[in-house]
Amino acid sequence: MKHIGYSLFFLLSILLIQCQPNQMQYVDVPPNRGGYVPDAKTASRIAEAISVPIYGEGIYDQQPFQITLEADSIWHIKGTFNKSGFGGVVHVKIRKADAKVLYVMHGK
């Protein structure tokens, strides 16, 4: 009786596997007209997400970030210097079209 149960389980497993689609279908989603990073707010959030794990929570003391768009293609995000502290500020460059992080640095 045990062998029949195992055989039935094995057969049902094979049938369920065969019912699955053979290939996954990928959908290519084109970026919107503004690219994947269309505005300064999005650029700021990406810079924050990149900077905090690297440099720590002190990045929040450098807000508001100074954000400029260079040549309509690269976001340049720079922290604001806190005069009561020591050290520099974070600099991040992000490509507007595909959100690739091109540069991350923190001054001394």
N, C-alpha and C. Protein backbone atom coordinates (compact mmCIF):
# COMPACT_ATOMS: atom_id res chain seq x y z
N MET A 1 0.82 -1.20 0.00
CA MET A 1 0.00 0.00 0.00
C MET A 1 0.87 1.26 0.00
N LYS A 2 1.99 1.18 0.72
CA LYS A 2 2.89 2.32 0.79
C LYS A 2 3.48 2.64 -0.58
N HIS A 3 3.81 1.60 -1.33
CA HIS A 3 4.41 1.79 -2.65
C HIS A 3 3.43 2.44 -3.62
N ILE A 4 2.16 2.11 -3.48
CA ILE A 4 1.15 2.71 -4.34
C ILE A 4 1.03 4.20 -4.05
N GLY A 5 1.08 4.57 -2.76
CA GLY A 5 1.01 5.98 -2.36
C GLY A 5 2.19 6.77 -2.91
N TYR A 6 3.41 6.21 -2.79
CA TYR A 6 4.60 6.88 -3.33
C TYR A 6 4.52 7.01 -4.85
N SER A 7 4.07 5.96 -5.50
CA SER A 7 3.96 5.98 -6.96
C SER A 7 2.94 7.02 -7.41
N LEU A 8 1.82 7.10 -6.71
CA LEU A 8 0.79 8.07 -7.04
C LEU A 8 1.30 9.50 -6.82
N PHE A 9 1.99 9.70 -5.72
CA PHE A 9 2.57 11.02 -5.43
C PHE A 9 3.57 11.42 -6.51
N PHE A 10 4.43 10.50 -6.91
CA PHE A 10 5.43 10.76 -7.93
C PHE A 10 4.77 11.09 -9.27
N LEU A 11 3.74 10.34 -9.63
CA LEU A 11 3.03 10.56 -10.89
C LEU A 11 2.34 11.93 -10.89
N LEU A 12 1.69 12.29 -9.79
CA LEU A 12 1.03 13.60 -9.70
C LEU A 12 2.04 14.74 -9.75
N SER A 13 3.19 14.54 -9.13
CA SER A 13 4.24 15.56 -9.17
C SER A 13 4.71 15.80 -10.59
N ILE A 14 4.92 14.73 -11.34
CA ILE A 14 5.35 14.85 -12.74
C ILE A 14 4.29 15.57 -13.56
N LEU A 15 3.03 15.25 -13.34
CA LEU A 15 1.95 15.90 -14.08
C LEU A 15 1.88 17.39 -13.77
N LEU A 16 2.05 17.76 -12.51
CA LEU A 16 2.01 19.17 -12.14
C LEU A 16 3.18 19.94 -12.74
N ILE A 17 4.34 19.32 -12.77
CA ILE A 17 5.51 19.97 -13.36
C ILE A 17 5.30 20.20 -14.84
N GLN A 18 4.68 19.25 -15.52
CA GLN A 18 4.43 19.37 -16.96
C GLN A 18 3.41 20.46 -17.27
N CYS A 19 2.57 20.81 -16.32
CA CYS A 19 1.56 21.84 -16.54
C CYS A 19 2.15 23.25 -16.49
N GLN A 20 3.34 23.39 -15.98
CA GLN A 20 3.98 24.70 -15.88
C GLN A 20 4.40 25.19 -17.26
N PRO A 21 4.39 26.51 -17.48
CA PRO A 21 4.85 27.02 -18.77
C PRO A 21 6.33 26.70 -18.97
N ASN A 22 6.69 26.45 -20.21
CA ASN A 22 8.06 26.04 -20.52
C ASN A 22 9.07 27.17 -20.37
N GLN A 23 8.69 28.37 -20.75
CA GLN A 23 9.62 29.48 -20.69
C GLN A 23 8.96 30.66 -20.01
N MET A 24 9.79 31.42 -19.31
CA MET A 24 9.30 32.66 -18.73
C MET A 24 9.25 33.71 -19.82
N GLN A 25 8.29 34.57 -19.75
CA GLN A 25 8.18 35.64 -20.72
C GLN A 25 8.62 36.94 -20.06
N TYR A 26 9.55 37.62 -20.68
CA TYR A 26 10.04 38.89 -20.18
C TYR A 26 9.44 40.02 -20.99
N VAL A 27 9.06 41.04 -20.30
CA VAL A 27 8.48 42.20 -20.96
C VAL A 27 9.47 43.34 -20.84
N ASP A 28 9.88 43.88 -21.96
CA ASP A 28 10.81 45.00 -21.96
C ASP A 28 10.02 46.28 -21.75
N VAL A 29 10.29 46.96 -20.65
CA VAL A 29 9.58 48.18 -20.33
C VAL A 29 10.47 49.36 -20.70
N PRO A 30 10.10 50.11 -21.71
CA PRO A 30 10.93 51.25 -22.09
C PRO A 30 10.81 52.37 -21.06
N PRO A 31 11.87 53.14 -20.86
CA PRO A 31 11.79 54.24 -19.90
C PRO A 31 10.84 55.32 -20.42
N ASN A 32 10.31 56.09 -19.48
CA ASN A 32 9.46 57.19 -19.92
C ASN A 32 10.33 58.28 -20.54
N ARG A 33 9.72 59.30 -21.06
CA ARG A 33 10.46 60.34 -21.78
C ARG A 33 11.52 61.00 -20.91
N GLY A 34 11.28 61.09 -19.62
CA GLY A 34 12.24 61.73 -18.73
C GLY A 34 13.35 60.81 -18.28
N GLY A 35 13.39 59.58 -18.76
CA GLY A 35 14.37 58.62 -18.30
C GLY A 35 13.91 57.96 -17.02
N TYR A 36 14.75 57.10 -16.48
CA TYR A 36 14.40 56.42 -15.23
C TYR A 36 14.53 57.35 -14.03
N VAL A 37 15.25 58.44 -14.18
CA VAL A 37 15.40 59.43 -13.10
C VAL A 37 14.91 60.77 -13.66
N PRO A 38 13.60 60.97 -13.72
CA PRO A 38 13.05 62.13 -14.42
C PRO A 38 13.17 63.46 -13.68
N ASP A 39 13.32 63.41 -12.34
CA ASP A 39 13.32 64.67 -11.60
C ASP A 39 14.30 64.65 -10.43
N ALA A 40 14.49 65.82 -9.82
CA ALA A 40 15.45 65.98 -8.73
C ALA A 40 15.05 65.16 -7.50
N LYS A 41 13.77 65.03 -7.25
CA LYS A 41 13.32 64.27 -6.08
C LYS A 41 13.73 62.80 -6.19
N THR A 42 13.57 62.22 -7.38
CA THR A 42 13.98 60.83 -7.61
C THR A 42 15.49 60.70 -7.48
N ALA A 43 16.23 61.64 -8.03
CA ALA A 43 17.70 61.62 -7.93
C ALA A 43 18.14 61.69 -6.48
N SER A 44 17.48 62.53 -5.69
CA SER A 44 17.80 62.66 -4.27
C SER A 44 17.57 61.36 -3.52
N ARG A 45 16.48 60.69 -3.81
CA ARG A 45 16.17 59.43 -3.13
C ARG A 45 17.16 58.33 -3.49
N ILE A 46 17.58 58.29 -4.75
CA ILE A 46 18.57 57.30 -5.16
C ILE A 46 19.90 57.59 -4.48
N ALA A 47 20.31 58.86 -4.46
CA ALA A 47 21.57 59.24 -3.81
C ALA A 47 21.54 58.88 -2.33
N GLU A 48 20.42 59.09 -1.69
CA GLU A 48 20.27 58.75 -0.28
C GLU A 48 20.37 57.23 -0.08
N ALA A 49 19.71 56.47 -0.93
CA ALA A 49 19.74 55.01 -0.82
C ALA A 49 21.15 54.46 -1.04
N ILE A 50 21.94 55.12 -1.87
CA ILE A 50 23.32 54.69 -2.12
C ILE A 50 24.24 55.12 -0.98
N SER A 51 24.06 56.33 -0.49
CA SER A 51 24.99 56.93 0.47
C SER A 51 24.87 56.41 1.89
N VAL A 52 23.66 56.20 2.36
CA VAL A 52 23.46 55.81 3.76
C VAL A 52 24.15 54.48 4.10
N PRO A 53 24.04 53.43 3.29
CA PRO A 53 24.74 52.19 3.64
C PRO A 53 26.27 52.33 3.61
N ILE A 54 26.78 53.25 2.80
CA ILE A 54 28.23 53.43 2.70
C ILE A 54 28.76 54.34 3.80
N TYR A 55 28.13 55.50 3.99
CA TYR A 55 28.67 56.53 4.89
C TYR A 55 27.89 56.69 6.19
N GLY A 56 26.77 56.01 6.33
CA GLY A 56 26.03 56.03 7.58
C GLY A 56 24.93 57.08 7.64
N GLU A 57 24.27 57.12 8.78
CA GLU A 57 23.11 57.99 8.99
C GLU A 57 23.48 59.47 9.00
N GLY A 58 24.77 59.80 9.13
CA GLY A 58 25.21 61.19 9.11
C GLY A 58 24.90 61.90 7.80
N ILE A 59 24.59 61.14 6.78
CA ILE A 59 24.22 61.72 5.49
C ILE A 59 22.98 62.60 5.65
N TYR A 60 22.09 62.22 6.55
CA TYR A 60 20.87 63.00 6.75
C TYR A 60 21.17 64.40 7.27
N ASP A 61 22.31 64.58 7.95
CA ASP A 61 22.70 65.90 8.43
C ASP A 61 23.12 66.81 7.29
N GLN A 62 23.37 66.24 6.12
CA GLN A 62 23.81 67.02 4.96
C GLN A 62 22.65 67.47 4.08
N GLN A 63 21.44 67.25 4.54
CA GLN A 63 20.28 67.70 3.78
C GLN A 63 20.01 69.15 4.10
N PRO A 64 19.46 69.93 3.21
CA PRO A 64 18.98 69.54 1.89
C PRO A 64 20.14 69.35 0.92
N PHE A 65 19.97 68.42 0.01
CA PHE A 65 20.98 68.18 -1.01
C PHE A 65 20.89 69.26 -2.09
N GLN A 66 22.05 69.61 -2.64
CA GLN A 66 22.10 70.52 -3.79
C GLN A 66 22.07 69.64 -5.03
N ILE A 67 21.07 69.80 -5.86
CA ILE A 67 20.88 68.90 -7.00
C ILE A 67 20.86 69.72 -8.28
N THR A 68 21.74 69.33 -9.21
CA THR A 68 21.78 69.99 -10.51
C THR A 68 21.76 68.92 -11.61
N LEU A 69 21.30 69.32 -12.77
CA LEU A 69 21.27 68.43 -13.92
C LEU A 69 22.30 68.93 -14.93
N GLU A 70 23.33 68.13 -15.15
CA GLU A 70 24.41 68.51 -16.06
C GLU A 70 24.10 68.00 -17.46
N ALA A 71 24.16 68.89 -18.43
CA ALA A 71 24.00 68.55 -19.85
C ALA A 71 22.73 67.74 -20.12
N ASP A 72 21.70 67.97 -19.32
CA ASP A 72 20.42 67.28 -19.47
C ASP A 72 20.55 65.76 -19.47
N SER A 73 21.61 65.24 -18.81
CA SER A 73 21.78 63.79 -18.81
C SER A 73 22.32 63.21 -17.50
N ILE A 74 22.97 64.01 -16.67
CA ILE A 74 23.57 63.48 -15.44
C ILE A 74 23.15 64.34 -14.25
N TRP A 75 22.54 63.68 -13.27
CA TRP A 75 22.18 64.35 -12.03
C TRP A 75 23.40 64.40 -11.13
N HIS A 76 23.70 65.58 -10.59
CA HIS A 76 24.80 65.74 -9.65
C HIS A 76 24.18 66.13 -8.31
N ILE A 77 24.35 65.27 -7.32
CA ILE A 77 23.76 65.48 -6.00
C ILE A 77 24.90 65.71 -5.02
N LYS A 78 24.83 66.82 -4.30
CA LYS A 78 25.89 67.20 -3.36
C LYS A 78 25.25 67.55 -2.02
N GLY A 79 25.84 67.06 -0.95
CA GLY A 79 25.34 67.37 0.38
C GLY A 79 25.63 68.81 0.76
N THR A 80 24.89 69.32 1.74
CA THR A 80 25.11 70.66 2.27
C THR A 80 26.00 70.56 3.49
N PHE A 81 27.08 71.36 3.52
CA PHE A 81 28.05 71.29 4.62
C PHE A 81 27.43 71.80 5.92
N ASN A 82 27.58 71.00 6.98
CA ASN A 82 27.11 71.36 8.31
C ASN A 82 28.26 72.09 9.00
N LYS A 83 28.14 73.39 9.20
CA LYS A 83 29.24 74.19 9.74
C LYS A 83 29.66 73.80 11.15
N SER A 84 28.80 73.17 11.90
CA SER A 84 29.14 72.79 13.27
C SER A 84 29.96 71.50 13.33
N GLY A 85 30.09 70.83 12.20
CA GLY A 85 30.82 69.55 12.19
C GLY A 85 32.11 69.64 11.43
N PHE A 86 32.77 68.51 11.31
CA PHE A 86 34.02 68.41 10.57
C PHE A 86 33.79 67.55 9.35
N GLY A 87 34.68 67.71 8.38
CA GLY A 87 34.62 66.84 7.22
C GLY A 87 33.92 67.48 6.04
N GLY A 88 33.79 66.70 4.99
CA GLY A 88 33.19 67.19 3.75
C GLY A 88 31.77 66.71 3.59
N VAL A 89 31.36 66.67 2.34
CA VAL A 89 29.99 66.27 2.02
C VAL A 89 30.01 65.18 0.97
N VAL A 90 28.89 64.52 0.83
CA VAL A 90 28.74 63.45 -0.14
C VAL A 90 28.51 64.04 -1.54
N HIS A 91 29.07 63.38 -2.54
CA HIS A 91 28.87 63.73 -3.95
C HIS A 91 28.43 62.46 -4.67
N VAL A 92 27.33 62.54 -5.40
CA VAL A 92 26.85 61.39 -6.17
C VAL A 92 26.46 61.88 -7.56
N LYS A 93 26.83 61.11 -8.59
CA LYS A 93 26.40 61.41 -9.95
C LYS A 93 25.62 60.21 -10.48
N ILE A 94 24.44 60.49 -11.04
CA ILE A 94 23.54 59.45 -11.53
C ILE A 94 23.10 59.80 -12.95
N ARG A 95 23.20 58.83 -13.85
CA ARG A 95 22.75 59.06 -15.23
C ARG A 95 21.23 59.05 -15.28
N LYS A 96 20.67 60.06 -15.90
CA LYS A 96 19.22 60.25 -15.97
C LYS A 96 18.53 59.15 -16.77
N ALA A 97 19.12 58.73 -17.87
CA ALA A 97 18.46 57.80 -18.79
C ALA A 97 18.23 56.42 -18.19
N ASP A 98 19.23 55.89 -17.45
CA ASP A 98 19.12 54.50 -16.97
C ASP A 98 19.37 54.33 -15.47
N ALA A 99 19.54 55.43 -14.73
CA ALA A 99 19.74 55.43 -13.28
C ALA A 99 21.06 54.79 -12.86
N LYS A 100 22.02 54.71 -13.76
CA LYS A 100 23.32 54.15 -13.40
C LYS A 100 24.06 55.14 -12.51
N VAL A 101 24.58 54.64 -11.39
CA VAL A 101 25.37 55.47 -10.48
C VAL A 101 26.78 55.55 -11.05
N LEU A 102 27.20 56.76 -11.41
CA LEU A 102 28.48 56.96 -12.06
C LEU A 102 29.59 57.30 -11.09
N TYR A 103 29.23 57.89 -9.94
CA TYR A 103 30.25 58.43 -9.05
C TYR A 103 29.68 58.55 -7.64
N VAL A 104 30.43 58.08 -6.66
CA VAL A 104 30.05 58.25 -5.25
C VAL A 104 31.33 58.59 -4.49
N MET A 105 31.30 59.71 -3.75
CA MET A 105 32.48 60.14 -3.01
C MET A 105 32.04 60.98 -1.82
N HIS A 106 32.84 60.95 -0.78
CA HIS A 106 32.60 61.81 0.37
C HIS A 106 33.89 62.56 0.67
N GLY A 107 33.80 63.88 0.73
CA GLY A 107 34.99 64.70 1.00
C GLY A 107 35.47 64.53 2.43
N LYS A 108 36.70 64.98 2.65
CA LYS A 108 37.30 64.88 4.00
C LYS A 108 36.99 66.10 4.82
